[in-house]
Every structure is written in C-alpha cells, then in structure tokens.
Amino acid sequence: MDQGESDRTPHQTEKTKAAARLREQRRAEALRANLGRRKEQARARRDEVADQEPPEGA
C-alpha cells in the first residue's frame, strides 16, 4: 500500500465525504440564518432610534 493511501474502503471514504458535505451545507445554512437575524435586529434598532428622535424641521 502506498504511503498516501488510507486503510479506508471506498465506501467509507464516500460516507466521510458525504458527511463533510452535509456538515458544510448545514454550516452555510446557519450562517445565512444568522445573517438574516442580525440584519433584522439592526433594522429594529434603526427604527427604534428613528422613533425616539424628533422629526427634522420641528
């Protein structure tokens, strides 16, 4: 066996690759959800500050 080869069977290697793809997909989804949540929080803060400030020209 070459030094670069592992003892894993091709089936185990495919399972490992599939698990890694699934982990990466879930991570990307979590990052997108987190970004959306942060944008919504920033929007809410902006609206709150705008409600507290007197209108311009008043």
N, C-alpha and C. Protein backbone atom coordinates (compact mmCIF):
# COMPACT_ATOMS: atom_id res chain seq x y z
N MET A 1 0.85 -1.18 0.00
CA MET A 1 0.00 0.00 0.00
C MET A 1 0.89 1.25 0.00
N ASP A 2 0.59 2.20 -0.84
CA ASP A 2 1.35 3.45 -0.89
C ASP A 2 1.16 4.22 0.40
N GLN A 3 2.10 5.11 0.67
CA GLN A 3 2.00 5.90 1.90
C GLN A 3 0.82 6.86 1.87
N GLY A 4 0.44 7.33 0.70
CA GLY A 4 -0.66 8.28 0.58
C GLY A 4 -2.02 7.64 0.73
N GLU A 5 -2.10 6.33 0.62
CA GLU A 5 -3.38 5.64 0.71
C GLU A 5 -3.76 5.39 2.16
N SER A 6 -5.05 5.42 2.43
CA SER A 6 -5.51 5.11 3.78
C SER A 6 -6.03 3.68 3.81
N ASP A 7 -6.37 3.23 5.00
CA ASP A 7 -6.92 1.88 5.16
C ASP A 7 -8.42 1.86 4.95
N ARG A 8 -9.01 2.96 4.64
CA ARG A 8 -10.47 3.03 4.47
C ARG A 8 -10.88 2.38 3.16
N THR A 9 -12.05 1.80 3.18
CA THR A 9 -12.60 1.25 1.95
C THR A 9 -13.20 2.40 1.15
N PRO A 10 -13.40 2.21 -0.14
CA PRO A 10 -14.03 3.28 -0.93
C PRO A 10 -15.40 3.68 -0.38
N HIS A 11 -16.14 2.71 0.16
CA HIS A 11 -17.46 3.02 0.73
C HIS A 11 -17.32 3.94 1.94
N GLN A 12 -16.34 3.66 2.81
CA GLN A 12 -16.13 4.50 3.99
C GLN A 12 -15.71 5.91 3.57
N THR A 13 -14.88 5.99 2.54
CA THR A 13 -14.43 7.29 2.05
C THR A 13 -15.61 8.10 1.54
N GLU A 14 -16.50 7.46 0.79
CA GLU A 14 -17.68 8.16 0.28
C GLU A 14 -18.58 8.62 1.42
N LYS A 15 -18.75 7.79 2.45
CA LYS A 15 -19.56 8.17 3.60
C LYS A 15 -18.95 9.39 4.29
N THR A 16 -17.62 9.40 4.42
CA THR A 16 -16.92 10.51 5.05
C THR A 16 -17.11 11.79 4.24
N LYS A 17 -16.97 11.66 2.92
CA LYS A 17 -17.14 12.83 2.05
C LYS A 17 -18.57 13.35 2.12
N ALA A 18 -19.54 12.44 2.14
CA ALA A 18 -20.95 12.84 2.22
C ALA A 18 -21.22 13.54 3.55
N ALA A 19 -20.66 13.03 4.62
CA ALA A 19 -20.84 13.66 5.94
C ALA A 19 -20.22 15.05 5.96
N ALA A 20 -19.07 15.21 5.33
CA ALA A 20 -18.41 16.51 5.28
C ALA A 20 -19.24 17.49 4.46
N ARG A 21 -19.81 17.03 3.35
CA ARG A 21 -20.67 17.90 2.53
C ARG A 21 -21.89 18.34 3.32
N LEU A 22 -22.49 17.40 4.06
CA LEU A 22 -23.67 17.70 4.85
C LEU A 22 -23.33 18.72 5.95
N ARG A 23 -22.19 18.52 6.61
CA ARG A 23 -21.77 19.47 7.66
C ARG A 23 -21.58 20.86 7.07
N GLU A 24 -20.93 20.94 5.92
CA GLU A 24 -20.68 22.23 5.28
C GLU A 24 -21.99 22.89 4.85
N GLN A 25 -22.93 22.10 4.34
CA GLN A 25 -24.23 22.64 3.93
C GLN A 25 -24.98 23.20 5.15
N ARG A 26 -24.98 22.45 6.24
CA ARG A 26 -25.66 22.92 7.46
C ARG A 26 -25.00 24.17 8.01
N ARG A 27 -23.66 24.23 7.93
CA ARG A 27 -22.94 25.41 8.40
C ARG A 27 -23.32 26.63 7.56
N ALA A 28 -23.38 26.46 6.25
CA ALA A 28 -23.75 27.57 5.37
C ALA A 28 -25.17 28.04 5.66
N GLU A 29 -26.09 27.11 5.88
CA GLU A 29 -27.47 27.49 6.20
C GLU A 29 -27.54 28.25 7.52
N ALA A 30 -26.77 27.82 8.50
CA ALA A 30 -26.75 28.50 9.80
C ALA A 30 -26.19 29.91 9.66
N LEU A 31 -25.15 30.07 8.84
CA LEU A 31 -24.58 31.39 8.63
C LEU A 31 -25.58 32.32 7.95
N ARG A 32 -26.31 31.80 6.96
CA ARG A 32 -27.32 32.62 6.28
C ARG A 32 -28.43 33.03 7.24
N ALA A 33 -28.86 32.10 8.07
CA ALA A 33 -29.91 32.40 9.05
C ALA A 33 -29.43 33.44 10.05
N ASN A 34 -28.19 33.31 10.48
CA ASN A 34 -27.62 34.25 11.43
C ASN A 34 -27.52 35.64 10.81
N LEU A 35 -27.12 35.71 9.56
CA LEU A 35 -27.02 37.00 8.87
C LEU A 35 -28.39 37.66 8.79
N GLY A 36 -29.41 36.89 8.44
CA GLY A 36 -30.77 37.43 8.37
C GLY A 36 -31.23 37.93 9.71
N ARG A 37 -30.91 37.20 10.76
CA ARG A 37 -31.31 37.61 12.11
C ARG A 37 -30.60 38.91 12.50
N ARG A 38 -29.30 39.02 12.19
CA ARG A 38 -28.55 40.25 12.52
C ARG A 38 -29.09 41.44 11.74
N LYS A 39 -29.43 41.23 10.47
CA LYS A 39 -30.00 42.33 9.67
C LYS A 39 -31.32 42.80 10.26
N GLU A 40 -32.15 41.86 10.69
CA GLU A 40 -33.44 42.20 11.29
C GLU A 40 -33.24 42.96 12.60
N GLN A 41 -32.28 42.55 13.40
CA GLN A 41 -32.00 43.26 14.66
C GLN A 41 -31.52 44.68 14.38
N ALA A 42 -30.66 44.85 13.39
CA ALA A 42 -30.16 46.18 13.05
C ALA A 42 -31.30 47.05 12.55
N ARG A 43 -32.19 46.49 11.76
CA ARG A 43 -33.35 47.23 11.26
C ARG A 43 -34.24 47.67 12.42
N ALA A 44 -34.45 46.79 13.38
CA ALA A 44 -35.28 47.12 14.55
C ALA A 44 -34.64 48.23 15.37
N ARG A 45 -33.32 48.18 15.53
CA ARG A 45 -32.62 49.25 16.28
C ARG A 45 -32.74 50.58 15.55
N ARG A 46 -32.58 50.56 14.22
CA ARG A 46 -32.70 51.80 13.43
C ARG A 46 -34.09 52.39 13.59
N ASP A 47 -35.11 51.54 13.50
CA ASP A 47 -36.49 52.01 13.64
C ASP A 47 -36.73 52.58 15.03
N GLU A 48 -36.17 51.94 16.04
CA GLU A 48 -36.35 52.41 17.42
C GLU A 48 -35.70 53.78 17.60
N VAL A 49 -34.51 53.97 17.07
CA VAL A 49 -33.82 55.26 17.17
C VAL A 49 -34.60 56.32 16.40
N ALA A 50 -35.11 55.97 15.25
CA ALA A 50 -35.87 56.92 14.44
C ALA A 50 -37.14 57.34 15.17
N ASP A 51 -37.75 56.44 15.91
CA ASP A 51 -38.97 56.77 16.66
C ASP A 51 -38.66 57.70 17.82
N GLN A 52 -37.45 57.64 18.37
CA GLN A 52 -37.10 58.45 19.53
C GLN A 52 -36.67 59.86 19.13
N GLU A 53 -36.12 60.03 17.94
CA GLU A 53 -35.65 61.34 17.51
C GLU A 53 -36.82 62.20 17.04
N PRO A 54 -36.76 63.50 17.36
CA PRO A 54 -37.83 64.38 16.84
C PRO A 54 -37.70 64.51 15.33
N PRO A 55 -38.80 64.70 14.63
CA PRO A 55 -38.72 64.85 13.17
C PRO A 55 -37.90 66.09 12.81
N GLU A 56 -37.19 66.00 11.69
CA GLU A 56 -36.38 67.14 11.26
C GLU A 56 -37.27 68.30 10.87
N GLY A 57 -36.81 69.50 11.21
CA GLY A 57 -37.57 70.70 10.87
C GLY A 57 -38.61 71.03 11.92
N ALA A 58 -38.67 70.29 13.00
CA ALA A 58 -39.67 70.57 14.04
C ALA A 58 -39.12 71.51 15.07
